[in-house]
Amino acid sequence: MNPTVRHADILARMLTYVGTGANLVNDAHLAALAVEHRASIVSYDSDFGRFEGVRWDQPPALL
């Protein structure tokens, strides 16, 4: 997925809400892409649950 013209605004809003600590900047970038493209994020990283408007699915536990 490529960023759209809305990417910077969506990313800035997400970073304002959750902050820029730890690995949140990269997560916010991926979350913004998902919002822009109406996609879901599938990840074990529970930080994605912190971003408003992001559809986040946690896969089943590994065996």
N, C-alpha and C. Protein backbone atom coordinates (compact mmCIF):
# COMPACT_ATOMS: atom_id res chain seq x y z
N MET A 1 0.83 -1.17 0.00
CA MET A 1 0.00 0.00 0.00
C MET A 1 0.88 1.24 0.00
N ASN A 2 0.42 2.23 -0.69
CA ASN A 2 1.13 3.50 -0.72
C ASN A 2 0.35 4.57 0.03
N PRO A 3 1.04 5.50 0.66
CA PRO A 3 0.35 6.60 1.34
C PRO A 3 -0.44 7.44 0.33
N THR A 4 -1.58 7.92 0.78
CA THR A 4 -2.38 8.83 -0.04
C THR A 4 -2.12 10.26 0.43
N VAL A 5 -2.81 11.20 -0.17
CA VAL A 5 -2.65 12.60 0.24
C VAL A 5 -3.13 12.83 1.67
N ARG A 6 -3.94 11.93 2.20
CA ARG A 6 -4.46 12.05 3.57
C ARG A 6 -3.51 11.50 4.63
N HIS A 7 -2.45 10.82 4.19
CA HIS A 7 -1.59 10.08 5.12
C HIS A 7 -1.01 10.95 6.24
N ALA A 8 -0.44 12.07 5.88
CA ALA A 8 0.22 12.91 6.89
C ALA A 8 -0.77 13.37 7.96
N ASP A 9 -1.97 13.73 7.56
CA ASP A 9 -2.98 14.18 8.53
C ASP A 9 -3.42 13.04 9.44
N ILE A 10 -3.66 11.87 8.87
CA ILE A 10 -4.08 10.72 9.67
C ILE A 10 -2.97 10.31 10.62
N LEU A 11 -1.75 10.26 10.12
CA LEU A 11 -0.60 9.88 10.95
C LEU A 11 -0.40 10.88 12.09
N ALA A 12 -0.48 12.16 11.80
CA ALA A 12 -0.31 13.18 12.84
C ALA A 12 -1.38 13.04 13.92
N ARG A 13 -2.61 12.78 13.52
CA ARG A 13 -3.70 12.61 14.49
C ARG A 13 -3.43 11.41 15.39
N MET A 14 -2.97 10.33 14.80
CA MET A 14 -2.69 9.12 15.59
C MET A 14 -1.54 9.34 16.56
N LEU A 15 -0.49 9.99 16.10
CA LEU A 15 0.66 10.24 16.98
C LEU A 15 0.31 11.22 18.09
N THR A 16 -0.56 12.17 17.81
CA THR A 16 -1.00 13.10 18.85
C THR A 16 -1.76 12.35 19.94
N TYR A 17 -2.56 11.37 19.52
CA TYR A 17 -3.38 10.62 20.46
C TYR A 17 -2.57 9.63 21.30
N VAL A 18 -1.64 8.88 20.67
CA VAL A 18 -0.92 7.83 21.40
C VAL A 18 0.50 8.19 21.80
N GLY A 19 1.05 9.24 21.21
CA GLY A 19 2.42 9.62 21.52
C GLY A 19 3.41 8.97 20.58
N THR A 20 4.69 9.24 20.83
CA THR A 20 5.73 8.76 19.92
C THR A 20 6.73 7.82 20.60
N GLY A 21 6.37 7.30 21.75
CA GLY A 21 7.29 6.43 22.48
C GLY A 21 7.38 5.04 21.89
N ALA A 22 8.38 4.32 22.34
CA ALA A 22 8.61 2.91 21.96
C ALA A 22 8.59 2.76 20.45
N ASN A 23 7.84 1.79 19.97
CA ASN A 23 7.75 1.55 18.53
C ASN A 23 6.46 2.10 17.95
N LEU A 24 5.86 3.08 18.61
CA LEU A 24 4.55 3.55 18.19
C LEU A 24 4.57 4.33 16.88
N VAL A 25 5.68 4.93 16.51
CA VAL A 25 5.72 5.71 15.27
C VAL A 25 5.54 4.77 14.08
N ASN A 26 6.26 3.67 14.07
CA ASN A 26 6.11 2.70 12.98
C ASN A 26 4.71 2.11 12.99
N ASP A 27 4.20 1.77 14.16
CA ASP A 27 2.85 1.23 14.25
C ASP A 27 1.83 2.24 13.75
N ALA A 28 2.02 3.52 14.09
CA ALA A 28 1.09 4.56 13.65
C ALA A 28 1.12 4.70 12.13
N HIS A 29 2.29 4.59 11.54
CA HIS A 29 2.40 4.65 10.07
C HIS A 29 1.60 3.51 9.44
N LEU A 30 1.77 2.30 9.94
CA LEU A 30 1.01 1.16 9.41
C LEU A 30 -0.48 1.31 9.67
N ALA A 31 -0.83 1.82 10.84
CA ALA A 31 -2.24 2.04 11.16
C ALA A 31 -2.86 3.08 10.24
N ALA A 32 -2.12 4.15 9.95
CA ALA A 32 -2.62 5.19 9.05
C ALA A 32 -2.84 4.61 7.65
N LEU A 33 -1.92 3.79 7.18
CA LEU A 33 -2.10 3.14 5.88
C LEU A 33 -3.36 2.28 5.87
N ALA A 34 -3.58 1.55 6.94
CA ALA A 34 -4.77 0.69 7.02
C ALA A 34 -6.04 1.52 6.99
N VAL A 35 -6.07 2.63 7.71
CA VAL A 35 -7.25 3.50 7.72
C VAL A 35 -7.48 4.07 6.32
N GLU A 36 -6.43 4.55 5.70
CA GLU A 36 -6.55 5.14 4.36
C GLU A 36 -7.13 4.16 3.35
N HIS A 37 -6.72 2.92 3.44
CA HIS A 37 -7.11 1.92 2.45
C HIS A 37 -8.22 0.99 2.93
N ARG A 38 -8.80 1.33 4.08
CA ARG A 38 -9.89 0.53 4.66
C ARG A 38 -9.48 -0.94 4.79
N ALA A 39 -8.27 -1.12 5.26
CA ALA A 39 -7.72 -2.47 5.44
C ALA A 39 -7.68 -2.82 6.93
N SER A 40 -7.53 -4.08 7.21
CA SER A 40 -7.36 -4.55 8.58
C SER A 40 -5.89 -4.86 8.82
N ILE A 41 -5.48 -4.70 10.05
CA ILE A 41 -4.13 -5.10 10.46
C ILE A 41 -4.26 -6.41 11.22
N VAL A 42 -3.47 -7.39 10.84
CA VAL A 42 -3.44 -8.67 11.54
C VAL A 42 -2.06 -8.77 12.18
N SER A 43 -2.05 -8.77 13.51
CA SER A 43 -0.78 -8.73 14.22
C SER A 43 -0.97 -9.20 15.65
N TYR A 44 0.10 -9.74 16.22
CA TYR A 44 0.10 -10.06 17.65
C TYR A 44 0.38 -8.83 18.50
N ASP A 45 0.75 -7.73 17.89
CA ASP A 45 1.12 -6.49 18.59
C ASP A 45 -0.14 -5.77 19.07
N SER A 46 -0.38 -5.81 20.36
CA SER A 46 -1.60 -5.21 20.92
C SER A 46 -1.60 -3.69 20.86
N ASP A 47 -0.47 -3.07 20.53
CA ASP A 47 -0.45 -1.61 20.40
C ASP A 47 -1.40 -1.13 19.31
N PHE A 48 -1.70 -1.95 18.31
CA PHE A 48 -2.61 -1.52 17.26
C PHE A 48 -4.01 -1.26 17.80
N GLY A 49 -4.35 -1.85 18.92
CA GLY A 49 -5.64 -1.59 19.55
C GLY A 49 -5.75 -0.19 20.12
N ARG A 50 -4.65 0.53 20.20
CA ARG A 50 -4.65 1.89 20.75
C ARG A 50 -5.04 2.94 19.73
N PHE A 51 -5.02 2.58 18.44
CA PHE A 51 -5.27 3.56 17.39
C PHE A 51 -6.74 3.59 17.01
N GLU A 52 -7.34 4.75 17.14
CA GLU A 52 -8.75 4.94 16.83
C GLU A 52 -9.00 4.73 15.34
N GLY A 53 -10.04 3.97 15.03
CA GLY A 53 -10.43 3.77 13.64
C GLY A 53 -9.73 2.63 12.93
N VAL A 54 -8.84 1.94 13.63
CA VAL A 54 -8.08 0.85 13.00
C VAL A 54 -8.77 -0.48 13.30
N ARG A 55 -8.98 -1.24 12.26
CA ARG A 55 -9.49 -2.60 12.44
C ARG A 55 -8.28 -3.50 12.67
N TRP A 56 -8.21 -4.06 13.86
CA TRP A 56 -7.06 -4.87 14.24
C TRP A 56 -7.55 -6.26 14.64
N ASP A 57 -6.99 -7.27 14.02
CA ASP A 57 -7.32 -8.65 14.34
C ASP A 57 -6.07 -9.35 14.85
N GLN A 58 -6.23 -10.03 15.97
CA GLN A 58 -5.12 -10.80 16.52
C GLN A 58 -5.28 -12.24 16.05
N PRO A 59 -4.27 -12.79 15.38
CA PRO A 59 -4.38 -14.17 14.90
C PRO A 59 -4.39 -15.15 16.08
N PRO A 60 -4.80 -16.38 15.81
CA PRO A 60 -4.76 -17.39 16.87
C PRO A 60 -3.33 -17.59 17.38
N ALA A 61 -3.23 -18.04 18.60
CA ALA A 61 -1.91 -18.29 19.19
C ALA A 61 -1.17 -19.36 18.40
N LEU A 62 0.13 -19.20 18.34
CA LEU A 62 0.96 -20.20 17.69
C LEU A 62 1.02 -21.46 18.53
N LEU A 63 1.16 -22.57 17.88
CA LEU A 63 1.26 -23.84 18.61
C LEU A 63 2.67 -24.11 19.03
